[in-house]
Every structure is written in structure tokens, then in C-alpha cells.
């Protein structure tokens, strides 16, 4: 029943920044993990980063030092701050949230396009 909506994508020049947000729609019983993945045309969906309920974060090597994941446990939102963007960051970005209904399971948003180009 949970729906996730990503926002903040768009066109940015190399070296620029974007901040993506993911907000739930509908009732939520409980939330645990939060993650961001991305998929470029012709490529598999790849892990970008994740953050646990206590705030510990993991990042793919390709974005480490440039991207930062944060979460708001009151609003149940997760953000992805992207700095020093490169053309290879161009992809559709998806957020995922681990929710509990009858069991823990992941729900995914529809994605938001990020294009890094001159």
C-alpha cells in the first residue's frame, strides 16, 4: 500500500549539484532501511547508497565522497545530496524504503531522471 515519490531530478552541468528527495504517500506502519539506486540506459540498476534506521550510511565507491544520504525519521523521508556531479552519474534514480506490513519488505519509487551534461 506504500507509495514512494522521488523529486529533485533534472539537468545539471558537470561539477554541479542536485538534491533528490523521497517521500512516502499513504499509511506506513514502520520503516527500517532506506536506499538509493540508479539505472542508466543499457545498464543494470546499481546501488548508490543506503542508510539504516540509526543513521549509518553506505555508499558505492563511484559516489563516495560526492554523495550524501540523509533521512528524517519524523517525516519518513530520505534525501540524496549529489555534489561534483559527473556525466556518468546520468541515470534514473530510485529510492527504496524498507517497510513493515506483515513482514519487512522493500518498496520502490517510480524514479526521477538526473542528467549531467554540458
Protein backbone atom coordinates (compact mmCIF):
# COMPACT_ATOMS: atom_id res chain seq x y z
CA UNK A 1 0.00 0.00 0.00
CA UNK A 2 3.01 2.29 0.43
CA UNK A 3 3.86 4.58 -2.46
CA UNK A 4 7.13 6.50 -2.79
CA UNK A 5 7.62 9.67 -4.80
CA UNK A 6 11.07 10.89 -5.84
CA UNK A 7 11.66 14.54 -6.65
CA UNK A 8 14.52 16.92 -7.38
CA UNK A 9 15.89 15.44 -10.58
CA UNK A 10 16.76 17.50 -13.60
CA UNK A 11 19.54 18.75 -15.84
CA UNK A 12 22.78 19.96 -14.30
CA UNK A 13 26.23 20.78 -15.64
CA UNK A 14 29.27 18.69 -14.71
CA UNK A 15 30.54 19.77 -11.32
CA UNK A 16 27.10 20.92 -10.25
CA UNK A 17 24.81 19.68 -7.51
CA UNK A 18 21.34 18.27 -7.10
CA UNK A 19 19.36 17.15 -4.10
CA UNK A 20 16.89 14.31 -4.51
CA UNK A 21 14.09 13.67 -2.06
CA UNK A 22 11.87 10.67 -1.49
CA UNK A 23 8.59 10.98 0.34
CA UNK A 24 6.06 8.29 1.19
CA UNK A 25 2.42 8.51 0.28
CA UNK A 26 -0.15 6.54 2.18
CA UNK A 27 -0.10 4.92 5.58
CA UNK A 28 3.11 3.42 6.94
CA UNK A 29 3.32 1.12 9.92
CA UNK A 30 7.08 1.18 10.36
CA UNK A 31 10.24 1.98 8.38
CA UNK A 32 13.71 0.47 8.68
CA UNK A 33 16.26 0.82 5.87
CA UNK A 34 16.34 3.45 3.13
CA UNK A 35 18.30 3.22 -0.12
CA UNK A 36 19.00 4.87 -3.45
CA UNK A 37 19.69 3.01 -6.68
CA UNK A 38 20.18 4.27 -10.21
CA UNK A 39 19.90 2.88 -13.72
CA UNK A 40 21.41 4.28 -16.89
CA UNK A 41 20.19 3.23 -20.37
CA UNK A 42 21.59 -0.15 -21.33
CA UNK A 43 22.97 -0.81 -17.87
CA UNK A 44 21.81 -2.76 -14.85
CA UNK A 45 20.38 -0.97 -11.89
CA UNK A 46 23.22 -0.23 -9.50
CA UNK A 47 23.46 0.52 -5.82
CA UNK A 48 24.16 4.13 -4.90
CA UNK A 49 23.81 4.27 -1.15
CA UNK A 50 21.80 3.22 1.86
CA UNK A 51 21.14 4.41 5.37
CA UNK A 52 19.96 2.45 8.38
CA UNK A 53 17.45 3.48 10.98
CA UNK A 54 20.22 4.65 13.33
CA UNK A 55 21.86 6.74 10.62
CA UNK A 56 24.76 4.58 9.45
CA UNK A 57 25.31 5.03 5.73
CA UNK A 58 26.95 3.00 2.96
CA UNK A 59 27.92 4.24 -0.49
CA UNK A 60 29.06 2.82 -3.77
CA UNK A 61 32.71 3.53 -4.48
CA UNK A 62 31.72 5.51 -7.56
CA UNK A 63 29.87 8.13 -5.49
CA UNK A 64 31.73 8.02 -2.19
CA UNK A 65 32.86 11.47 -1.13
CA UNK A 66 30.46 13.17 -3.53
CA UNK A 67 27.01 11.94 -2.47
CA UNK A 68 25.42 12.08 0.97
CA UNK A 69 22.32 10.23 2.14
CA UNK A 70 20.22 11.60 4.96
CA UNK A 71 16.90 10.66 6.50
CA UNK A 72 14.22 12.26 8.59
CA UNK A 73 12.66 9.69 10.90
CA UNK A 74 9.80 12.02 11.76
CA UNK A 75 8.72 12.78 8.20
CA UNK A 76 9.90 9.37 6.95
CA UNK A 77 11.80 10.93 4.07
CA UNK A 78 15.21 10.14 2.60
CA UNK A 79 17.35 12.59 0.64
CA UNK A 80 20.35 12.19 -1.63
CA UNK A 81 22.64 15.20 -1.86
CA UNK A 82 24.73 14.91 -5.02
CA UNK A 83 27.77 17.14 -5.42
CA UNK A 84 30.55 17.29 -8.00
CA UNK A 85 28.31 15.56 -10.50
CA UNK A 86 29.83 13.81 -13.49
CA UNK A 87 28.30 12.81 -16.84
CA UNK A 88 28.50 9.17 -15.76
CA UNK A 89 26.07 9.98 -12.95
CA UNK A 90 23.34 10.40 -15.56
CA UNK A 91 20.60 7.89 -14.77
CA UNK A 92 17.14 7.40 -13.41
CA UNK A 93 17.40 7.44 -9.64
CA UNK A 94 15.13 5.29 -7.50
CA UNK A 95 14.53 5.42 -3.78
CA UNK A 96 13.63 2.39 -1.72
CA UNK A 97 12.22 2.14 1.77
CA UNK A 98 12.03 -0.98 3.89
CA UNK A 99 8.59 -1.11 5.47
CA UNK A 100 6.75 -3.46 7.77
CA UNK A 101 3.25 -4.56 6.97
CA UNK A 102 3.03 -8.27 7.72
CA UNK A 103 6.80 -8.63 7.22
CA UNK A 104 9.75 -6.40 6.33
CA UNK A 105 9.89 -5.71 2.62
CA UNK A 106 11.25 -3.09 0.23
CA UNK A 107 9.10 -0.64 -1.69
CA UNK A 108 10.44 1.40 -4.60
CA UNK A 109 9.54 4.68 -6.21
CA UNK A 110 8.95 5.40 -9.88
CA UNK A 111 12.30 7.13 -10.31
CA UNK A 112 13.49 10.61 -11.19
CA UNK A 113 15.76 11.50 -14.11
CA UNK A 114 19.16 13.05 -13.44
CA UNK A 115 21.08 14.29 -16.46
CA UNK A 116 24.61 15.66 -16.14
CA UNK A 117 25.67 17.34 -19.35
CA UNK A 118 27.34 20.44 -20.72
